[in-house]
Amino acid sequence: MDTLPALDKAREELRRHVLTHSLKTGNFTLKSGRSSTWFLDTKQTACSPDGVLLVADVALGMIPAEVTAIGG
């Protein structure tokens, strides 16, 4: 993936996980009925122990330091 832009370490590790575990290539029929040669199933990253830690690291890095609480 030499054409992808450089990222900070946390985002690079998350991208590597997604490309390794969540991106599937082949022949797929999408819900729309259209065909695709790739499918991105990010649940494979977000629901794995190491993947969810990478997602959390990136998400926490996006929260400004002055934030004291998050709801949701």
C-alpha atoms as a PDB file:
ATOM      1  CA  MET A   1       0.000   0.000   0.000  1.00  0.00           C
ATOM      2  CA  ASP A   2       2.705   2.454  -0.983  1.00  0.00           C
ATOM      3  CA  THR A   3       0.158   4.948  -2.322  1.00  0.00           C
ATOM      4  CA  LEU A   4      -1.488   5.569   1.044  1.00  0.00           C
ATOM      5  CA  PRO A   5      -0.565   8.746   2.931  1.00  0.00           C
ATOM      6  CA  ALA A   6       1.670   8.624   5.981  1.00  0.00           C
ATOM      7  CA  LEU A   7      -0.121   8.536   9.327  1.00  0.00           C
ATOM      8  CA  ASP A   8       0.846   8.828  12.971  1.00  0.00           C
ATOM      9  CA  LYS A   9       1.764   5.531  14.674  1.00  0.00           C
ATOM     10  CA  ALA A  10      -1.686   4.819  16.177  1.00  0.00           C
ATOM     11  CA  ARG A  11      -3.537   5.421  12.921  1.00  0.00           C
ATOM     12  CA  GLU A  12      -0.961   3.447  10.946  1.00  0.00           C
ATOM     13  CA  GLU A  13      -1.425   0.435  13.229  1.00  0.00           C
ATOM     14  CA  LEU A  14      -5.213   0.722  12.932  1.00  0.00           C
ATOM     15  CA  ARG A  15      -5.010   0.995   9.143  1.00  0.00           C
ATOM     16  CA  ARG A  16      -2.735  -2.057   9.006  1.00  0.00           C
ATOM     17  CA  HIS A  17      -5.218  -4.035  11.133  1.00  0.00           C
ATOM     18  CA  VAL A  18      -8.160  -3.011   8.933  1.00  0.00           C
ATOM     19  CA  LEU A  19      -6.288  -3.886   5.745  1.00  0.00           C
ATOM     20  CA  THR A  20      -5.198  -7.247   7.167  1.00  0.00           C
ATOM     21  CA  HIS A  21      -8.390  -8.353   8.938  1.00  0.00           C
ATOM     22  CA  SER A  22     -11.334  -6.337   7.594  1.00  0.00           C
ATOM     23  CA  LEU A  23     -10.694  -5.869   3.877  1.00  0.00           C
ATOM     24  CA  LYS A  24     -11.742  -8.853   1.790  1.00  0.00           C
ATOM     25  CA  THR A  25     -11.157  -9.227  -1.923  1.00  0.00           C
ATOM     26  CA  GLY A  26     -12.954 -11.533  -4.318  1.00  0.00           C
ATOM     27  CA  ASN A  27     -16.397 -11.437  -5.891  1.00  0.00           C
ATOM     28  CA  PHE A  28     -19.196 -10.169  -3.657  1.00  0.00           C
ATOM     29  CA  THR A  29     -22.850  -9.401  -4.210  1.00  0.00           C
ATOM     30  CA  LEU A  30     -23.764  -6.382  -2.114  1.00  0.00           C
ATOM     31  CA  LYS A  31     -27.132  -5.776  -0.425  1.00  0.00           C
ATOM     32  CA  SER A  32     -27.971  -3.464  -3.314  1.00  0.00           C
ATOM     33  CA  GLY A  33     -27.554  -6.389  -5.698  1.00  0.00           C
ATOM     34  CA  ARG A  34     -24.492  -4.803  -7.309  1.00  0.00           C
ATOM     35  CA  SER A  35     -21.224  -6.686  -7.566  1.00  0.00           C
ATOM     36  CA  SER A  36     -17.924  -5.665  -6.024  1.00  0.00           C
ATOM     37  CA  THR A  37     -14.415  -7.086  -6.026  1.00  0.00           C
ATOM     38  CA  TRP A  38     -13.800  -5.903  -2.456  1.00  0.00           C
ATOM     39  CA  PHE A  39     -15.720  -5.789   0.837  1.00  0.00           C
ATOM     40  CA  LEU A  40     -14.843  -3.879   4.000  1.00  0.00           C
ATOM     41  CA  ASP A  41     -16.147  -5.559   7.166  1.00  0.00           C
ATOM     42  CA  THR A  42     -14.783  -3.343   9.934  1.00  0.00           C
ATOM     43  CA  LYS A  43     -16.502  -5.456  12.587  1.00  0.00           C
ATOM     44  CA  GLN A  44     -13.528  -7.784  12.104  1.00  0.00           C
ATOM     45  CA  THR A  45     -11.373  -4.999  13.569  1.00  0.00           C
ATOM     46  CA  ALA A  46     -13.787  -3.330  15.995  1.00  0.00           C
ATOM     47  CA  CYS A  47     -14.861  -6.619  17.589  1.00  0.00           C
ATOM     48  CA  SER A  48     -11.425  -8.166  18.033  1.00  0.00           C
ATOM     49  CA  PRO A  49      -9.457  -7.578  21.257  1.00  0.00           C
ATOM     50  CA  ASP A  50      -6.413  -6.058  19.558  1.00  0.00           C
ATOM     51  CA  GLY A  51      -8.507  -4.151  17.025  1.00  0.00           C
ATOM     52  CA  VAL A  52     -10.755  -2.462  19.582  1.00  0.00           C
ATOM     53  CA  LEU A  53      -7.667  -1.264  21.479  1.00  0.00           C
ATOM     54  CA  LEU A  54      -6.358   0.322  18.272  1.00  0.00           C
ATOM     55  CA  VAL A  55      -9.737   1.978  17.643  1.00  0.00           C
ATOM     56  CA  ALA A  56      -9.763   3.277  21.235  1.00  0.00           C
ATOM     57  CA  ASP A  57      -6.204   4.643  20.941  1.00  0.00           C
ATOM     58  CA  VAL A  58      -7.098   6.588  17.792  1.00  0.00           C
ATOM     59  CA  ALA A  59     -10.427   7.816  19.225  1.00  0.00           C
ATOM     60  CA  LEU A  60      -8.843   8.951  22.498  1.00  0.00           C
ATOM     61  CA  GLY A  61      -6.139  10.757  20.552  1.00  0.00           C
ATOM     62  CA  MET A  62      -8.832  12.852  18.848  1.00  0.00           C
ATOM     63  CA  ILE A  63     -10.353  14.135  22.102  1.00  0.00           C
ATOM     64  CA  PRO A  64      -9.054  17.560  23.140  1.00  0.00           C
ATOM     65  CA  ALA A  65      -7.141  17.617  26.449  1.00  0.00           C
ATOM     66  CA  GLU A  66      -9.645  20.024  28.039  1.00  0.00           C
ATOM     67  CA  VAL A  67     -12.512  17.520  27.730  1.00  0.00           C
ATOM     68  CA  THR A  68     -13.452  16.153  31.163  1.00  0.00           C
ATOM     69  CA  ALA A  69     -16.452  13.966  30.318  1.00  0.00           C
ATOM     70  CA  ILE A  70     -18.055  12.155  27.394  1.00  0.00           C
ATOM     71  CA  GLY A  71     -21.659  10.990  27.195  1.00  0.00           C
ATOM     72  CA  GLY A  72     -23.409   8.832  24.716  1.00  0.00           C
END
